[in-house]
C-alpha atoms as a PDB file:
ATOM      1  CA  MET A   1     202.239  91.834 199.048  1.00  0.00           C
ATOM      2  CA  HIS A   2     203.294  95.177 197.533  1.00  0.00           C
ATOM      3  CA  ARG A   3     205.850  95.522 194.839  1.00  0.00           C
ATOM      4  CA  ARG A   4     208.283  98.262 195.201  1.00  0.00           C
ATOM      5  CA  THR A   5     208.470 100.632 192.195  1.00  0.00           C
ATOM      6  CA  ARG A   6     211.428 102.819 191.511  1.00  0.00           C
ATOM      7  CA  CYS A   7     211.255 105.698 189.055  1.00  0.00           C
ATOM      8  CA  VAL A   8     214.404 107.144 187.591  1.00  0.00           C
ATOM      9  CA  TYR A   9     214.565 109.852 184.950  1.00  0.00           C
ATOM     10  CA  VAL A  10     217.752 110.467 183.101  1.00  0.00           C
ATOM     11  CA  ALA A  11     218.058 112.978 180.154  1.00  0.00           C
ATOM     12  CA  SER A  12     220.754 112.326 177.675  1.00  0.00           C
ATOM     13  CA  CYS A  13     221.085 113.358 174.037  1.00  0.00           C
ATOM     14  CA  SER A  14     223.231 112.111 171.228  1.00  0.00           C
ATOM     15  CA  PRO A  15     222.368 112.097 167.553  1.00  0.00           C
ATOM     16  CA  LEU A  16     220.950 109.016 166.040  1.00  0.00           C
ATOM     17  CA  ARG A  17     221.409 108.420 162.305  1.00  0.00           C
ATOM     18  CA  ASN A  18     219.251 105.317 162.040  1.00  0.00           C
ATOM     19  CA  ILE A  19     216.860 104.755 164.925  1.00  0.00           C
ATOM     20  CA  GLU A  20     215.756 101.347 163.525  1.00  0.00           C
ATOM     21  CA  ASP A  21     219.295 100.073 163.548  1.00  0.00           C
ATOM     22  CA  VAL A  22     219.878 101.325 167.115  1.00  0.00           C
ATOM     23  CA  LEU A  23     216.481  99.678 168.146  1.00  0.00           C
ATOM     24  CA  ALA A  24     217.409  96.357 166.538  1.00  0.00           C
ATOM     25  CA  ARG A  25     220.873  96.312 168.344  1.00  0.00           C
ATOM     26  CA  LEU A  26     219.248  97.076 171.689  1.00  0.00           C
ATOM     27  CA  GLN A  27     216.632  94.393 171.197  1.00  0.00           C
ATOM     28  CA  ALA A  28     219.369  91.900 170.488  1.00  0.00           C
ATOM     29  CA  HIS A  29     220.624  92.601 173.950  1.00  0.00           C
ATOM     30  CA  GLY A  30     217.191  92.108 175.680  1.00  0.00           C
ATOM     31  CA  ALA A  31     215.589  95.586 175.331  1.00  0.00           C
ATOM     32  CA  GLU A  32     211.933  95.842 174.369  1.00  0.00           C
ATOM     33  CA  LEU A  33     210.040  98.600 172.655  1.00  0.00           C
ATOM     34  CA  VAL A  34     207.581 100.457 174.830  1.00  0.00           C
ATOM     35  CA  GLY A  35     204.603 101.423 172.587  1.00  0.00           C
ATOM     36  CA  GLU A  36     205.503 102.116 169.018  1.00  0.00           C
ATOM     37  CA  LEU A  37     208.171 103.942 166.922  1.00  0.00           C
ATOM     38  CA  GLU A  38     206.394 107.156 166.104  1.00  0.00           C
ATOM     39  CA  GLN A  39     207.022 110.070 163.708  1.00  0.00           C
ATOM     40  CA  TYR A  40     206.514 113.651 164.899  1.00  0.00           C
ATOM     41  CA  GLU A  41     205.696 115.704 161.841  1.00  0.00           C
ATOM     42  CA  ASP A  42     208.675 115.769 159.458  1.00  0.00           C
ATOM     43  CA  SER A  43     211.081 116.530 162.283  1.00  0.00           C
ATOM     44  CA  TYR A  44     211.703 113.443 164.449  1.00  0.00           C
ATOM     45  CA  ARG A  45     211.191 109.723 164.803  1.00  0.00           C
ATOM     46  CA  LEU A  46     210.769 108.799 168.432  1.00  0.00           C
ATOM     47  CA  CYS A  47     210.416 105.756 170.721  1.00  0.00           C
ATOM     48  CA  TYR A  48     210.945 104.507 174.217  1.00  0.00           C
ATOM     49  CA  VAL A  49     212.915 101.332 175.015  1.00  0.00           C
ATOM     50  CA  ARG A  50     212.928  99.333 178.221  1.00  0.00           C
ATOM     51  CA  GLY A  51     216.226  97.630 179.012  1.00  0.00           C
ATOM     52  CA  PRO A  52     216.590  94.237 180.797  1.00  0.00           C
ATOM     53  CA  GLU A  53     217.122  96.060 184.174  1.00  0.00           C
ATOM     54  CA  GLY A  54     213.882  97.984 183.711  1.00  0.00           C
ATOM     55  CA  ILE A  55     215.384 101.361 182.831  1.00  0.00           C
ATOM     56  CA  ILE A  56     213.438 103.150 180.088  1.00  0.00           C
ATOM     57  CA  VAL A  57     215.360 105.291 177.496  1.00  0.00           C
ATOM     58  CA  ALA A  58     213.894 107.647 174.919  1.00  0.00           C
ATOM     59  CA  LEU A  59     215.433 107.522 171.456  1.00  0.00           C
ATOM     60  CA  ALA A  60     215.027 110.254 168.858  1.00  0.00           C
ATOM     61  CA  GLU A  61     216.213 110.605 165.225  1.00  0.00           C
ATOM     62  CA  GLN A  62     216.176 113.970 163.698  1.00  0.00           C
ATOM     63  CA  LEU A  63     214.846 113.914 160.166  1.00  0.00           C
ATOM     64  CA  GLY A  64     215.988 115.941 157.186  1.00  0.00           C
END
């Protein structure tokens, strides 16, 4: 039996002030972190989150 996989890519940007707070609120609603919360140099903190419906969203917080 084959599982049907659907790939959807949506780009949306809005500023985050506290990525950890946003991540905690999303997890309280059933989202899960994909990989780890990473930091890119001194510029951004980034992560991916999978929601209960399987949609993956990228979150980014600009530093400084």
